[in-house]
């Protein structure tokens, strides 16, 4: 009888120890920072290919026991969309340890089975690089397939586009007393840098003019603002009746050192204060952004009217593909998306009325 009691106590202690072990089991997904621009293949950690780019780390405790990891990755195209399942996978049994994505199928951690949404995968691959939001859910199982723990992280693949200069406007002239520089925002930037230089009349190569001699602004870091007075960042006094070529560079951190995304160059002319040859006035900033987004072969008259304020938001009716009226704020949201995803613009048709 005594032995039976002792055995019962031992059995209970084993159960308690097992429960404590399971209760202490954990899996943590660590996403390396600054993933603003990566190749899709680097995140495809179910592939048998040799993936060298390290993006995530998985922390499993306790180490040493046989476990299985199940994962599911969902994709959210943009803020107006919901999450859709992209793929799921399950590993073979392995002894619990910490590992990174580039070790899967390249070490003792091997994929047992996967299930891909081929249509969604093709859609992402057609963009060249992943975009939108990825939701990653990892589940830790014991060797028998019983649930132990899970973790969830969202990864934003920003893939920012280069900024576009809104002001000054190409070919326009401005008083030297106050010249504003304004540009479109690039998501995920650390800062913007501005470079400007004088350019001779009839300049054939604006880039050469920008990089020659002593720039009047030499990669001045303005932080994350998207507008600034040119006069506040000059390295020397501005000359009147002179051409100036300018560029805005978006500095984006990321794997491998990050990127520098340069705007298209803009060349404009300076005039003496109070003697502007072009009395430019500017309209709604969002309509100026729209004008800069429209292709150059579109009606110049229409684009100029958007820029100089002859067309106001109140004069514009906006509707979706089904003819339903949209608010101007909804239009601005779409404009923000199009600035970051120029490839989404299939065609622009202008029909004057």
Protein backbone atom coordinates (compact mmCIF):
# COMPACT_ATOMS: atom_id res chain seq x y z
CA UNK A 1 0.00 0.00 0.00
CA UNK A 2 2.85 2.32 0.89
CA UNK A 3 4.56 1.65 -2.43
CA UNK A 4 1.33 2.44 -4.28
CA UNK A 5 1.04 5.77 -2.45
CA UNK A 6 4.68 6.57 -3.21
CA UNK A 7 4.21 5.71 -6.87
CA UNK A 8 1.06 7.87 -6.99
CA UNK A 9 2.96 10.79 -5.48
CA UNK A 10 5.78 10.32 -8.03
CA UNK A 11 3.24 10.19 -10.87
CA UNK A 12 1.58 13.39 -9.65
CA UNK A 13 4.99 15.11 -9.40
CA UNK A 14 5.81 14.02 -12.95
CA UNK A 15 2.51 15.45 -14.20
CA UNK A 16 3.14 18.71 -12.33
CA UNK A 17 6.70 18.88 -13.70
CA UNK A 18 5.40 18.26 -17.21
CA UNK A 19 2.73 20.96 -16.81
CA UNK A 20 5.33 23.41 -15.55
CA UNK A 21 7.60 22.56 -18.47
CA UNK A 22 4.78 23.18 -20.95
CA UNK A 23 3.74 26.34 -19.10
CA UNK A 24 7.29 27.65 -19.36
CA UNK A 25 7.68 26.78 -23.03
CA UNK A 26 7.73 29.85 -25.24
CA UNK A 27 8.43 30.93 -28.78
CA UNK A 28 9.36 34.52 -29.62
CA UNK A 29 9.67 36.01 -33.08
CA UNK A 30 12.30 38.74 -33.31
CA UNK A 31 12.07 40.92 -36.42
CA UNK A 32 15.29 42.67 -37.29
CA UNK A 33 14.78 46.45 -37.59
CA UNK A 34 14.86 48.60 -40.71
CA UNK A 35 13.29 46.11 -43.12
CA UNK A 36 12.20 48.92 -45.42
CA UNK A 37 13.40 47.27 -48.61
CA UNK A 38 14.10 43.56 -49.06
CA UNK A 39 13.80 40.87 -51.69
CA UNK A 40 10.81 38.55 -51.36
CA UNK A 41 13.07 35.48 -51.63
CA UNK A 42 14.84 36.51 -48.43
CA UNK A 43 11.61 36.20 -46.48
CA UNK A 44 10.59 32.92 -48.15
CA UNK A 45 12.02 30.81 -45.34
CA UNK A 46 10.11 27.72 -46.50
CA UNK A 47 12.26 27.53 -49.64
CA UNK A 48 15.03 25.01 -50.17
CA UNK A 49 17.13 27.70 -51.83
CA UNK A 50 20.12 29.13 -50.04
CA UNK A 51 18.73 32.32 -48.51
CA UNK A 52 21.53 34.49 -47.13
CA UNK A 53 19.62 37.55 -45.93
CA UNK A 54 18.82 37.28 -42.25
CA UNK A 55 15.50 38.93 -41.41
CA UNK A 56 14.05 37.21 -38.37
CA UNK A 57 15.17 35.19 -35.37
CA UNK A 58 13.07 32.64 -33.49
CA UNK A 59 13.76 32.20 -29.75
CA UNK A 60 12.52 28.90 -28.25
CA UNK A 61 12.67 28.02 -24.56
CA UNK A 62 13.48 25.68 -23.04
CA UNK A 63 16.14 24.34 -25.40
CA UNK A 64 16.87 20.69 -26.00
CA UNK A 65 13.43 19.04 -26.20
CA UNK A 66 11.97 17.77 -29.46
CA UNK A 67 9.54 20.30 -30.92
CA UNK A 68 7.71 21.24 -34.11
CA UNK A 69 7.07 24.76 -35.38
CA UNK A 70 4.01 25.68 -37.41
CA UNK A 71 3.82 29.02 -39.16
CA UNK A 72 1.28 31.04 -41.07
CA UNK A 73 1.97 34.22 -43.02
CA UNK A 74 -0.85 36.56 -44.04
CA UNK A 75 -0.56 39.52 -46.40
CA UNK A 76 -2.39 42.84 -46.24
CA UNK A 77 -2.03 44.75 -49.51
CA UNK A 78 -2.82 48.20 -48.09
CA UNK A 79 -4.78 49.94 -45.37
CA UNK A 80 -8.04 49.49 -47.25
CA UNK A 81 -7.62 45.72 -47.53
CA UNK A 82 -7.94 42.84 -45.10
CA UNK A 83 -5.39 40.12 -44.39
CA UNK A 84 -5.27 37.12 -46.76
CA UNK A 85 -3.38 33.92 -46.10
CA UNK A 86 -0.19 33.82 -48.15
CA UNK A 87 1.31 30.53 -47.01
CA UNK A 88 1.59 28.16 -44.06
CA UNK A 89 4.22 25.60 -43.15
CA UNK A 90 5.15 22.94 -40.62
CA UNK A 91 8.66 21.81 -39.72
CA UNK A 92 9.87 18.31 -39.02
CA UNK A 93 10.79 17.50 -35.43
CA UNK A 94 13.98 19.12 -34.21
CA UNK A 95 15.64 19.78 -30.89
CA UNK A 96 14.52 23.16 -29.62
CA UNK A 97 17.03 25.97 -30.08
CA UNK A 98 17.19 29.51 -31.34
CA UNK A 99 17.44 29.92 -35.11
CA UNK A 100 17.14 32.47 -37.93
CA UNK A 101 15.23 32.31 -41.21
CA UNK A 102 18.36 31.54 -43.24
CA UNK A 103 18.89 28.30 -41.26
CA UNK A 104 15.60 26.70 -42.28
CA UNK A 105 16.22 23.90 -44.79
CA UNK A 106 19.93 24.71 -44.46
CA UNK A 107 20.44 22.96 -41.11
CA UNK A 108 18.79 20.40 -38.83
CA UNK A 109 15.57 22.45 -39.09
CA UNK A 110 13.70 21.20 -42.14
CA UNK A 111 10.29 21.89 -43.64
CA UNK A 112 7.86 18.96 -43.51
CA UNK A 113 5.02 20.48 -45.56
CA UNK A 114 3.85 23.81 -46.96
CA UNK A 115 0.73 25.26 -48.51
CA UNK A 116 0.95 28.39 -50.71
CA UNK A 117 -1.69 30.73 -52.11
CA UNK A 118 -0.21 30.71 -55.61
CA UNK A 119 -2.36 33.59 -56.93
CA UNK A 120 -1.40 35.86 -54.04
CA UNK A 121 2.26 34.85 -54.28
CA UNK A 122 2.29 35.69 -58.00
CA UNK A 123 0.68 39.07 -57.25
CA UNK A 124 3.41 39.95 -54.75
CA UNK A 125 6.21 38.69 -56.97
CA UNK A 126 4.89 40.79 -59.86
CA UNK A 127 5.60 43.89 -57.75
CA UNK A 128 9.28 42.99 -57.65
CA UNK A 129 9.53 43.33 -53.89
CA UNK A 130 7.10 42.56 -51.04
CA UNK A 131 4.88 45.44 -50.07
CA UNK A 132 2.13 46.13 -47.60
CA UNK A 133 1.92 44.27 -44.31
CA UNK A 134 2.87 40.69 -43.45
CA UNK A 135 1.37 39.06 -40.37
CA UNK A 136 3.51 36.15 -39.11
CA UNK A 137 2.02 33.68 -36.61
CA UNK A 138 4.29 30.95 -35.19
CA UNK A 139 3.03 28.03 -33.06
CA UNK A 140 5.29 25.83 -30.97
CA UNK A 141 4.23 22.17 -30.65
CA UNK A 142 5.73 19.25 -28.76
CA UNK A 143 6.91 16.11 -30.53
CA UNK A 144 3.35 14.71 -30.42
CA UNK A 145 1.84 17.80 -31.99
CA UNK A 146 0.38 19.27 -28.80
CA UNK A 147 0.26 23.07 -28.53
CA UNK A 148 2.87 24.69 -26.28
CA UNK A 149 3.07 28.39 -27.19
CA UNK A 150 2.70 30.92 -29.98
CA UNK A 151 3.80 34.40 -31.04
CA UNK A 152 2.59 36.92 -33.63
CA UNK A 153 4.34 39.83 -35.31
CA UNK A 154 3.46 42.20 -38.14
CA UNK A 155 6.17 43.21 -40.61
CA UNK A 156 5.75 46.28 -42.75
CA UNK A 157 7.52 46.14 -46.10
CA UNK A 158 7.67 49.79 -47.03
CA UNK A 159 9.70 49.71 -50.24
CA UNK A 160 9.61 53.50 -50.37
CA UNK A 161 9.64 55.39 -53.63
CA UNK A 162 11.80 58.41 -54.37
CA UNK A 163 10.34 61.81 -53.46
CA UNK A 164 9.00 64.16 -56.12
CA UNK A 165 9.67 67.90 -55.88
CA UNK A 166 6.41 69.86 -55.81
CA UNK A 167 8.01 73.30 -55.42
CA UNK A 168 9.85 74.90 -57.13
CA UNK A 169 8.10 74.06 -60.37
CA UNK A 170 10.26 73.12 -63.35
CA UNK A 171 10.92 76.11 -65.62
CA UNK A 172 9.38 78.70 -63.30
CA UNK A 173 11.05 81.79 -61.81
CA UNK A 174 11.05 83.04 -58.22
CA UNK A 175 12.12 86.07 -56.20
CA UNK A 176 15.39 85.38 -54.39
CA UNK A 177 13.92 86.70 -51.13
CA UNK A 178 11.93 83.58 -50.32
CA UNK A 179 11.94 80.32 -52.25
CA UNK A 180 10.05 77.36 -50.83
CA UNK A 181 11.11 73.76 -51.48
CA UNK A 182 8.37 71.17 -51.04
CA UNK A 183 8.36 67.48 -51.94
CA UNK A 184 6.28 64.33 -51.56
CA UNK A 185 6.91 62.08 -48.57
CA UNK A 186 8.68 58.74 -48.88
CA UNK A 187 7.55 56.24 -46.28
CA UNK A 188 10.20 54.89 -43.93
CA UNK A 189 12.85 57.56 -44.48
CA UNK A 190 15.35 58.50 -41.81
CA UNK A 191 15.88 61.97 -43.26
CA UNK A 192 15.96 64.02 -46.46
CA UNK A 193 18.99 65.74 -47.94
CA UNK A 194 18.91 68.63 -50.39
CA UNK A 195 21.51 69.48 -52.98
CA UNK A 196 21.39 72.50 -55.30
CA UNK A 197 23.74 74.31 -57.63
CA UNK A 198 23.82 76.99 -60.31
CA UNK A 199 23.35 75.91 -63.90
CA UNK A 200 24.24 77.90 -67.04
CA UNK A 201 21.61 78.91 -69.58
CA UNK A 202 20.70 76.24 -72.13
CA UNK A 203 22.01 73.52 -69.81
CA UNK A 204 22.00 70.17 -71.58
CA UNK A 205 23.05 68.06 -68.59
CA UNK A 206 21.41 69.28 -65.33
CA UNK A 207 22.98 66.44 -63.33
CA UNK A 208 26.45 67.52 -64.40
CA UNK A 209 25.65 71.09 -63.40
CA UNK A 210 24.36 69.89 -60.03
CA UNK A 211 27.58 68.03 -59.22
CA UNK A 212 30.09 70.54 -60.61
CA UNK A 213 32.02 73.22 -58.76
CA UNK A 214 30.89 74.38 -55.34
CA UNK A 215 27.16 73.62 -54.69
CA UNK A 216 25.09 76.32 -53.05
CA UNK A 217 23.52 73.51 -50.97
CA UNK A 218 25.60 70.36 -50.50
CA UNK A 219 23.47 67.45 -49.22
CA UNK A 220 22.03 69.50 -46.38
CA UNK A 221 20.16 67.19 -43.96
CA UNK A 222 16.74 68.66 -43.16
CA UNK A 223 15.43 65.76 -41.08
CA UNK A 224 12.02 64.32 -41.89
CA UNK A 225 10.21 67.53 -42.89
CA UNK A 226 8.81 67.74 -46.44
CA UNK A 227 9.14 71.48 -46.96
CA UNK A 228 11.71 74.16 -46.14
CA UNK A 229 12.80 77.64 -47.19
CA UNK A 230 15.68 77.35 -49.64
CA UNK A 231 17.14 80.57 -48.24
CA UNK A 232 17.51 78.99 -44.77
CA UNK A 233 19.91 76.26 -45.91
CA UNK A 234 22.12 78.10 -48.41
CA UNK A 235 25.88 77.87 -48.00
CA UNK A 236 26.31 81.30 -49.59
CA UNK A 237 24.25 84.21 -50.88
CA UNK A 238 21.82 83.51 -53.70
CA UNK A 239 22.37 85.23 -57.05
CA UNK A 240 19.48 86.66 -59.06
CA UNK A 241 18.74 85.99 -62.74
CA UNK A 242 20.41 82.59 -62.51
CA UNK A 243 19.31 79.01 -63.16
CA UNK A 244 19.31 76.63 -60.20
CA UNK A 245 19.08 72.84 -60.39
CA UNK A 246 17.92 71.03 -57.25
CA UNK A 247 17.41 67.45 -56.00
CA UNK A 248 15.86 65.99 -52.84
CA UNK A 249 17.29 62.71 -51.57
CA UNK A 250 15.41 60.34 -49.25
CA UNK A 251 17.73 58.44 -46.91
CA UNK A 252 16.29 55.00 -46.13
CA UNK A 253 17.94 52.61 -43.70
CA UNK A 254 17.82 48.91 -44.40
CA UNK A 255 19.75 45.66 -44.73
CA UNK A 256 23.08 46.14 -46.47
CA UNK A 257 23.32 49.80 -45.50
CA UNK A 258 20.03 51.06 -46.93
CA UNK A 259 19.32 53.26 -49.93
CA UNK A 260 19.43 56.84 -51.13
CA UNK A 261 16.38 57.61 -53.27
CA UNK A 262 16.80 60.76 -55.36
CA UNK A 263 13.96 62.82 -56.79
CA UNK A 264 13.90 63.85 -60.45
CA UNK A 265 15.96 67.01 -60.89
CA UNK A 266 14.13 70.33 -61.13
CA UNK A 267 15.60 73.46 -62.70
CA UNK A 268 14.18 76.93 -62.07
CA UNK A 269 15.30 80.56 -62.31
CA UNK A 270 15.87 83.26 -59.71
CA UNK A 271 14.90 86.93 -60.04
CA UNK A 272 15.63 90.04 -58.03
CA UNK A 273 13.19 90.60 -55.18
CA UNK A 274 10.02 92.21 -56.46
CA UNK A 275 10.87 91.65 -60.12
CA UNK A 276 9.45 88.19 -60.72
CA UNK A 277 8.88 87.39 -64.36
CA UNK A 278 6.39 84.76 -63.26
CA UNK A 279 3.89 85.79 -60.65
CA UNK A 280 3.21 82.18 -59.73
CA UNK A 281 0.63 81.47 -57.11
CA UNK A 282 0.04 77.99 -55.86
CA UNK A 283 -3.17 76.16 -55.23
CA UNK A 284 -4.13 73.33 -52.91
CA UNK A 285 -0.96 71.30 -52.07
CA UNK A 286 -2.75 68.02 -52.79
CA UNK A 287 -3.75 69.23 -56.25
CA UNK A 288 -0.15 70.29 -56.83
CA UNK A 289 0.84 66.73 -55.89
CA UNK A 290 -1.73 65.40 -58.35
CA UNK A 291 -0.31 67.61 -61.10
CA UNK A 292 3.18 66.29 -60.45
CA UNK A 293 1.87 62.73 -60.57
CA UNK A 294 0.19 63.17 -63.96
CA UNK A 295 2.22 62.20 -67.03
CA UNK A 296 4.00 65.06 -68.79
CA UNK A 297 2.21 64.39 -72.09
CA UNK A 298 -1.12 65.23 -70.44
CA UNK A 299 -2.56 68.70 -71.07
CA UNK A 300 0.00 71.22 -69.75
CA UNK A 301 -2.79 73.80 -69.42
CA UNK A 302 -4.73 71.49 -67.09
CA UNK A 303 -1.65 70.69 -65.01
CA UNK A 304 -0.77 74.40 -64.72
CA UNK A 305 -4.29 75.19 -63.52
CA UNK A 306 -3.97 72.56 -60.80
CA UNK A 307 -0.63 74.05 -59.72
CA UNK A 308 -1.52 77.75 -59.75
CA UNK A 309 -4.87 77.39 -58.00
CA UNK A 310 -7.20 78.07 -60.93
CA UNK A 311 -8.81 74.73 -60.10
CA UNK A 312 -9.86 74.24 -56.48
CA UNK A 313 -10.99 71.09 -54.63
CA UNK A 314 -14.53 72.45 -54.55
CA UNK A 315 -14.60 72.44 -58.36
CA UNK A 316 -13.62 68.80 -58.62
CA UNK A 317 -16.02 65.87 -58.51
CA UNK A 318 -14.36 62.57 -57.68
CA UNK A 319 -15.98 59.17 -58.20
CA UNK A 320 -14.84 55.55 -58.06
CA UNK A 321 -14.98 52.97 -60.85
CA UNK A 322 -18.65 52.35 -60.10
CA UNK A 323 -19.60 56.02 -60.32
CA UNK A 324 -20.03 56.56 -56.58
CA UNK A 325 -19.01 59.97 -55.28
CA UNK A 326 -15.88 60.13 -53.10
CA UNK A 327 -14.85 62.72 -50.55
CA UNK A 328 -11.71 64.76 -51.08
CA UNK A 329 -10.12 63.12 -48.02
CA UNK A 330 -10.68 59.69 -49.61
CA UNK A 331 -9.05 61.03 -52.78
CA UNK A 332 -6.02 62.21 -50.77
CA UNK A 333 -5.66 58.70 -49.30
CA UNK A 334 -5.59 57.27 -52.83
CA UNK A 335 -3.13 59.98 -53.88
CA UNK A 336 -0.83 58.99 -51.00
CA UNK A 337 -0.95 55.37 -52.19
CA UNK A 338 -0.29 56.26 -55.83
CA UNK A 339 2.74 58.39 -54.93
CA UNK A 340 4.25 55.35 -53.24
CA UNK A 341 3.09 52.86 -55.89
CA UNK A 342 3.48 54.48 -59.32
CA UNK A 343 3.26 51.05 -60.95
CA UNK A 344 -0.40 50.88 -59.85
CA UNK A 345 -1.27 53.61 -62.39
CA UNK A 346 -2.28 51.72 -65.52
CA UNK A 347 -3.28 54.67 -67.68
CA UNK A 348 -4.40 58.30 -67.44
CA UNK A 349 -7.05 59.60 -69.82
CA UNK A 350 -7.75 63.32 -70.03
CA UNK A 351 -11.12 64.35 -71.47
CA UNK A 352 -11.59 68.17 -71.40
CA UNK A 353 -15.14 69.44 -70.88
